[in-house]
Amino acid sequence: MAISLWILLVIFSIWLAPFIIVATSDKTEGGEKLAWLLAIFFVSWFAWVFYMLLAPLKPREARY
């Protein structure tokens, strides 16, 4: 019983990892970050791979 609980915890952590990585990333912000998080939720790991390759979708403006 305890081993299956640990396996479930590991699987949940692996599933949760892309959400944490995107939520704490500085590549995107605001609505674009929310869109990526929703894409990861609905499309899962494929969206996370696309996030790592494509984000940000538009260039950032310099803030002074």
PDB file of N, CA and C in Angstrom:
ATOM      1  N   MET A   1       0.817  -1.198   0.000  1.00  0.00           N
ATOM      2  CA  MET A   1       0.000   0.000   0.000  1.00  0.00           C
ATOM      3  C   MET A   1       0.861   1.263   0.000  1.00  0.00           C
ATOM      4  N   ALA A   2       1.884   1.270   0.813  1.00  0.00           N
ATOM      5  CA  ALA A   2       2.734   2.460   0.916  1.00  0.00           C
ATOM      6  C   ALA A   2       3.524   2.686  -0.371  1.00  0.00           C
ATOM      7  N   ILE A   3       3.929   1.602  -1.021  1.00  0.00           N
ATOM      8  CA  ILE A   3       4.686   1.736  -2.268  1.00  0.00           C
ATOM      9  C   ILE A   3       3.817   2.339  -3.361  1.00  0.00           C
ATOM     10  N   SER A   4       2.574   1.918  -3.449  1.00  0.00           N
ATOM     11  CA  SER A   4       1.688   2.473  -4.464  1.00  0.00           C
ATOM     12  C   SER A   4       1.401   3.949  -4.217  1.00  0.00           C
ATOM     13  N   LEU A   5       1.374   4.351  -2.961  1.00  0.00           N
ATOM     14  CA  LEU A   5       1.181   5.763  -2.636  1.00  0.00           C
ATOM     15  C   LEU A   5       2.386   6.576  -3.088  1.00  0.00           C
ATOM     16  N   TRP A   6       3.590   6.046  -2.901  1.00  0.00           N
ATOM     17  CA  TRP A   6       4.797   6.734  -3.351  1.00  0.00           C
ATOM     18  C   TRP A   6       4.845   6.830  -4.869  1.00  0.00           C
ATOM     19  N   ILE A   7       4.450   5.767  -5.538  1.00  0.00           N
ATOM     20  CA  ILE A   7       4.413   5.784  -7.009  1.00  0.00           C
ATOM     21  C   ILE A   7       3.423   6.828  -7.497  1.00  0.00           C
ATOM     22  N   LEU A   8       2.275   6.908  -6.866  1.00  0.00           N
ATOM     23  CA  LEU A   8       1.273   7.909  -7.222  1.00  0.00           C
ATOM     24  C   LEU A   8       1.810   9.319  -6.992  1.00  0.00           C
ATOM     25  N   LEU A   9       2.525   9.522  -5.914  1.00  0.00           N
ATOM     26  CA  LEU A   9       3.113  10.832  -5.620  1.00  0.00           C
ATOM     27  C   LEU A   9       4.165  11.215  -6.664  1.00  0.00           C
ATOM     28  N   VAL A  10       4.981  10.260  -7.089  1.00  0.00           N
ATOM     29  CA  VAL A  10       5.991  10.527  -8.110  1.00  0.00           C
ATOM     30  C   VAL A  10       5.329  10.869  -9.437  1.00  0.00           C
ATOM     31  N   ILE A  11       4.325  10.119  -9.823  1.00  0.00           N
ATOM     32  CA  ILE A  11       3.615  10.384 -11.081  1.00  0.00           C
ATOM     33  C   ILE A  11       2.955  11.756 -11.045  1.00  0.00           C
ATOM     34  N   PHE A  12       2.338  12.117  -9.925  1.00  0.00           N
ATOM     35  CA  PHE A  12       1.709  13.434  -9.798  1.00  0.00           C
ATOM     36  C   PHE A  12       2.747  14.547  -9.875  1.00  0.00           C
ATOM     37  N   SER A  13       3.913  14.333  -9.270  1.00  0.00           N
ATOM     38  CA  SER A  13       4.979  15.340  -9.324  1.00  0.00           C
ATOM     39  C   SER A  13       5.477  15.544 -10.743  1.00  0.00           C
ATOM     40  N   ILE A  14       5.605  14.447 -11.492  1.00  0.00           N
ATOM     41  CA  ILE A  14       6.041  14.547 -12.888  1.00  0.00           C
ATOM     42  C   ILE A  14       4.992  15.275 -13.715  1.00  0.00           C
ATOM     43  N   TRP A  15       3.714  15.011 -13.449  1.00  0.00           N
ATOM     44  CA  TRP A  15       2.638  15.688 -14.173  1.00  0.00           C
ATOM     45  C   TRP A  15       2.599  17.176 -13.825  1.00  0.00           C
ATOM     46  N   LEU A  16       2.914  17.518 -12.580  1.00  0.00           N
ATOM     47  CA  LEU A  16       2.838  18.903 -12.114  1.00  0.00           C
ATOM     48  C   LEU A  16       4.056  19.733 -12.526  1.00  0.00           C
ATOM     49  N   ALA A  17       5.179  19.102 -12.820  1.00  0.00           N
ATOM     50  CA  ALA A  17       6.427  19.809 -13.122  1.00  0.00           C
ATOM     51  C   ALA A  17       6.298  20.864 -14.227  1.00  0.00           C
ATOM     52  N   PRO A  18       5.675  20.581 -15.381  1.00  0.00           N
ATOM     53  CA  PRO A  18       5.575  21.624 -16.416  1.00  0.00           C
ATOM     54  C   PRO A  18       4.805  22.859 -15.954  1.00  0.00           C
ATOM     55  N   PHE A  19       3.784  22.675 -15.126  1.00  0.00           N
ATOM     56  CA  PHE A  19       3.032  23.823 -14.615  1.00  0.00           C
ATOM     57  C   PHE A  19       3.935  24.720 -13.773  1.00  0.00           C
ATOM     58  N   ILE A  20       4.728  24.114 -12.922  1.00  0.00           N
ATOM     59  CA  ILE A  20       5.626  24.886 -12.054  1.00  0.00           C
ATOM     60  C   ILE A  20       6.690  25.586 -12.877  1.00  0.00           C
ATOM     61  N   ILE A  21       7.245  24.893 -13.872  1.00  0.00           N
ATOM     62  CA  ILE A  21       8.288  25.483 -14.705  1.00  0.00           C
ATOM     63  C   ILE A  21       7.763  26.686 -15.479  1.00  0.00           C
ATOM     64  N   VAL A  22       6.580  26.567 -16.074  1.00  0.00           N
ATOM     65  CA  VAL A  22       6.011  27.675 -16.840  1.00  0.00           C
ATOM     66  C   VAL A  22       5.577  28.809 -15.915  1.00  0.00           C
ATOM     67  N   ALA A  23       4.966  28.488 -14.795  1.00  0.00           N
ATOM     68  CA  ALA A  23       4.486  29.517 -13.875  1.00  0.00           C
ATOM     69  C   ALA A  23       5.622  30.351 -13.300  1.00  0.00           C
ATOM     70  N   THR A  24       6.800  29.774 -13.132  1.00  0.00           N
ATOM     71  CA  THR A  24       7.924  30.511 -12.553  1.00  0.00           C
ATOM     72  C   THR A  24       8.884  31.052 -13.612  1.00  0.00           C
ATOM     73  N   SER A  25       8.614  30.799 -14.886  1.00  0.00           N
ATOM     74  CA  SER A  25       9.502  31.231 -15.954  1.00  0.00           C
ATOM     75  C   SER A  25       9.387  32.735 -16.203  1.00  0.00           C
ATOM     76  N   ASP A  26      10.498  33.323 -16.643  1.00  0.00           N
ATOM     77  CA  ASP A  26      10.512  34.742 -16.998  1.00  0.00           C
ATOM     78  C   ASP A  26      10.346  34.961 -18.496  1.00  0.00           C
ATOM     79  N   LYS A  27      10.154  33.896 -19.264  1.00  0.00           N
ATOM     80  CA  LYS A  27      10.005  34.017 -20.714  1.00  0.00           C
ATOM     81  C   LYS A  27       8.716  34.736 -21.094  1.00  0.00           C
ATOM     82  N   THR A  28       7.645  34.503 -20.352  1.00  0.00           N
ATOM     83  CA  THR A  28       6.350  35.107 -20.666  1.00  0.00           C
ATOM     84  C   THR A  28       5.766  35.742 -19.416  1.00  0.00           C
ATOM     85  N   GLU A  29       4.719  36.518 -19.630  1.00  0.00           N
ATOM     86  CA  GLU A  29       4.042  37.147 -18.488  1.00  0.00           C
ATOM     87  C   GLU A  29       2.590  37.413 -18.841  1.00  0.00           C
ATOM     88  N   GLY A  30       1.788  37.608 -17.828  1.00  0.00           N
ATOM     89  CA  GLY A  30       0.392  37.986 -18.008  1.00  0.00           C
ATOM     90  C   GLY A  30      -0.456  36.970 -18.730  1.00  0.00           C
ATOM     91  N   GLY A  31      -1.216  37.465 -19.703  1.00  0.00           N
ATOM     92  CA  GLY A  31      -2.150  36.632 -20.443  1.00  0.00           C
ATOM     93  C   GLY A  31      -1.478  35.538 -21.247  1.00  0.00           C
ATOM     94  N   GLU A  32      -0.270  35.814 -21.740  1.00  0.00           N
ATOM     95  CA  GLU A  32       0.437  34.801 -22.513  1.00  0.00           C
ATOM     96  C   GLU A  32       0.824  33.617 -21.615  1.00  0.00           C
ATOM     97  N   LYS A  33       1.247  33.908 -20.381  1.00  0.00           N
ATOM     98  CA  LYS A  33       1.593  32.834 -19.454  1.00  0.00           C
ATOM     99  C   LYS A  33       0.354  32.019 -19.109  1.00  0.00           C
ATOM    100  N   LEU A  34      -0.776  32.693 -18.903  1.00  0.00           N
ATOM    101  CA  LEU A  34      -2.026  31.993 -18.610  1.00  0.00           C
ATOM    102  C   LEU A  34      -2.433  31.102 -19.778  1.00  0.00           C
ATOM    103  N   ALA A  35      -2.263  31.586 -20.994  1.00  0.00           N
ATOM    104  CA  ALA A  35      -2.601  30.786 -22.172  1.00  0.00           C
ATOM    105  C   ALA A  35      -1.723  29.537 -22.247  1.00  0.00           C
ATOM    106  N   TRP A  36      -0.433  29.671 -21.951  1.00  0.00           N
ATOM    107  CA  TRP A  36       0.452  28.503 -21.955  1.00  0.00           C
ATOM    108  C   TRP A  36       0.056  27.517 -20.868  1.00  0.00           C
ATOM    109  N   LEU A  37      -0.300  28.009 -19.690  1.00  0.00           N
ATOM    110  CA  LEU A  37      -0.714  27.110 -18.605  1.00  0.00           C
ATOM    111  C   LEU A  37      -1.993  26.358 -18.965  1.00  0.00           C
ATOM    112  N   LEU A  38      -2.928  27.049 -19.583  1.00  0.00           N
ATOM    113  CA  LEU A  38      -4.155  26.377 -20.017  1.00  0.00           C
ATOM    114  C   LEU A  38      -3.867  25.356 -21.117  1.00  0.00           C
ATOM    115  N   ALA A  39      -2.956  25.696 -22.015  1.00  0.00           N
ATOM    116  CA  ALA A  39      -2.589  24.753 -23.072  1.00  0.00           C
ATOM    117  C   ALA A  39      -1.952  23.502 -22.470  1.00  0.00           C
ATOM    118  N   ILE A  40      -1.104  23.679 -21.476  1.00  0.00           N
ATOM    119  CA  ILE A  40      -0.488  22.523 -20.819  1.00  0.00           C
ATOM    120  C   ILE A  40      -1.547  21.680 -20.133  1.00  0.00           C
ATOM    121  N   PHE A  41      -2.520  22.332 -19.515  1.00  0.00           N
ATOM    122  CA  PHE A  41      -3.578  21.587 -18.825  1.00  0.00           C
ATOM    123  C   PHE A  41      -4.409  20.760 -19.797  1.00  0.00           C
ATOM    124  N   PHE A  42      -4.767  21.350 -20.933  1.00  0.00           N
ATOM    125  CA  PHE A  42      -5.655  20.660 -21.860  1.00  0.00           C
ATOM    126  C   PHE A  42      -4.923  19.761 -22.868  1.00  0.00           C
ATOM    127  N   VAL A  43      -3.682  20.107 -23.223  1.00  0.00           N
ATOM    128  CA  VAL A  43      -2.962  19.348 -24.230  1.00  0.00           C
ATOM    129  C   VAL A  43      -1.804  18.575 -23.596  1.00  0.00           C
ATOM    130  N   SER A  44      -1.502  18.854 -22.364  1.00  0.00           N
ATOM    131  CA  SER A  44      -0.479  18.176 -21.575  1.00  0.00           C
ATOM    132  C   SER A  44       0.923  18.454 -22.072  1.00  0.00           C
ATOM    133  N   TRP A  45       1.741  17.424 -22.152  1.00  0.00           N
ATOM    134  CA  TRP A  45       3.169  17.575 -22.369  1.00  0.00           C
ATOM    135  C   TRP A  45       3.533  18.168 -23.716  1.00  0.00           C
ATOM    136  N   PHE A  46       2.714  18.001 -24.730  1.00  0.00           N
ATOM    137  CA  PHE A  46       3.032  18.586 -26.033  1.00  0.00           C
ATOM    138  C   PHE A  46       3.109  20.101 -25.944  1.00  0.00           C
ATOM    139  N   ALA A  47       2.199  20.706 -25.203  1.00  0.00           N
ATOM    140  CA  ALA A  47       2.213  22.160 -25.056  1.00  0.00           C
ATOM    141  C   ALA A  47       3.456  22.614 -24.294  1.00  0.00           C
ATOM    142  N   TRP A  48       3.893  21.825 -23.323  1.00  0.00           N
ATOM    143  CA  TRP A  48       5.077  22.198 -22.566  1.00  0.00           C
ATOM    144  C   TRP A  48       6.313  22.176 -23.455  1.00  0.00           C
ATOM    145  N   VAL A  49       6.424  21.191 -24.331  1.00  0.00           N
ATOM    146  CA  VAL A  49       7.542  21.130 -25.270  1.00  0.00           C
ATOM    147  C   VAL A  49       7.500  22.337 -26.208  1.00  0.00           C
ATOM    148  N   PHE A  50       6.315  22.685 -26.708  1.00  0.00           N
ATOM    149  CA  PHE A  50       6.181  23.863 -27.564  1.00  0.00           C
ATOM    150  C   PHE A  50       6.534  25.137 -26.800  1.00  0.00           C
ATOM    151  N   TYR A  51       6.181  25.209 -25.520  1.00  0.00           N
ATOM    152  CA  TYR A  51       6.530  26.375 -24.703  1.00  0.00           C
ATOM    153  C   TYR A  51       8.046  26.534 -24.641  1.00  0.00           C
ATOM    154  N   MET A  52       8.742  25.441 -24.397  1.00  0.00           N
ATOM    155  CA  MET A  52      10.196  25.515 -24.292  1.00  0.00           C
ATOM    156  C   MET A  52      10.836  25.929 -25.618  1.00  0.00           C
ATOM    157  N   LEU A  53      10.212  25.558 -26.736  1.00  0.00           N
ATOM    158  CA  LEU A  53      10.771  25.885 -28.044  1.00  0.00           C
ATOM    159  C   LEU A  53      10.346  27.259 -28.552  1.00  0.00           C
ATOM    160  N   LEU A  54       9.126  27.691 -28.263  1.00  0.00           N
ATOM    161  CA  LEU A  54       8.558  28.873 -28.919  1.00  0.00           C
ATOM    162  C   LEU A  54       8.387  30.105 -28.041  1.00  0.00           C
ATOM    163  N   ALA A  55       8.282  29.974 -26.752  1.00  0.00           N
ATOM    164  CA  ALA A  55       7.970  31.124 -25.902  1.00  0.00           C
ATOM    165  C   ALA A  55       9.142  32.086 -25.876  1.00  0.00           C
ATOM    166  N   PRO A  56       8.943  33.355 -25.864  1.00  0.00           N
ATOM    167  CA  PRO A  56       7.679  34.075 -25.998  1.00  0.00           C
ATOM    168  C   PRO A  56       7.243  34.155 -27.460  1.00  0.00           C
ATOM    169  N   LEU A  57       5.945  34.282 -27.640  1.00  0.00           N
ATOM    170  CA  LEU A  57       5.400  34.344 -28.990  1.00  0.00           C
ATOM    171  C   LEU A  57       5.643  35.692 -29.646  1.00  0.00           C
ATOM    172  N   LYS A  58       5.715  36.730 -28.850  1.00  0.00           N
ATOM    173  CA  LYS A  58       5.988  38.059 -29.392  1.00  0.00           C
ATOM    174  C   LYS A  58       7.195  38.639 -28.651  1.00  0.00           C
ATOM    175  N   PRO A  59       7.978  39.480 -29.313  1.00  0.00           N
ATOM    176  CA  PRO A  59       9.159  40.046 -28.656  1.00  0.00           C
ATOM    177  C   PRO A  59       8.764  40.981 -27.518  1.00  0.00           C
ATOM    178  N   ARG A  60       9.568  40.994 -26.492  1.00  0.00           N
ATOM    179  CA  ARG A  60       9.319  41.879 -25.353  1.00  0.00           C
ATOM    180  C   ARG A  60       9.788  43.296 -25.665  1.00  0.00           C
ATOM    181  N   GLU A  61       9.072  44.255 -25.095  1.00  0.00           N
ATOM    182  CA  GLU A  61       9.519  45.630 -25.186  1.00  0.00           C
ATOM    183  C   GLU A  61      10.473  45.891 -24.030  1.00  0.00           C
ATOM    184  N   ALA A  62      11.486  46.673 -24.301  1.00  0.00           N
ATOM    185  CA  ALA A  62      12.450  46.994 -23.259  1.00  0.00           C
ATOM    186  C   ALA A  62      11.817  47.917 -22.221  1.00  0.00           C
ATOM    187  N   ARG A  63      12.034  47.598 -20.967  1.00  0.00           N
ATOM    188  CA  ARG A  63      11.520  48.445 -19.864  1.00  0.00           C
ATOM    189  C   ARG A  63      12.696  49.145 -19.213  1.00  0.00           C
ATOM    190  N   TYR A  64      12.568  50.451 -19.104  1.00  0.00           N
ATOM    191  CA  TYR A  64      13.638  51.233 -18.487  1.00  0.00           C
ATOM    192  C   TYR A  64      13.163  51.892 -17.242  1.00  0.00           C
TER     193      TYR A  64
END
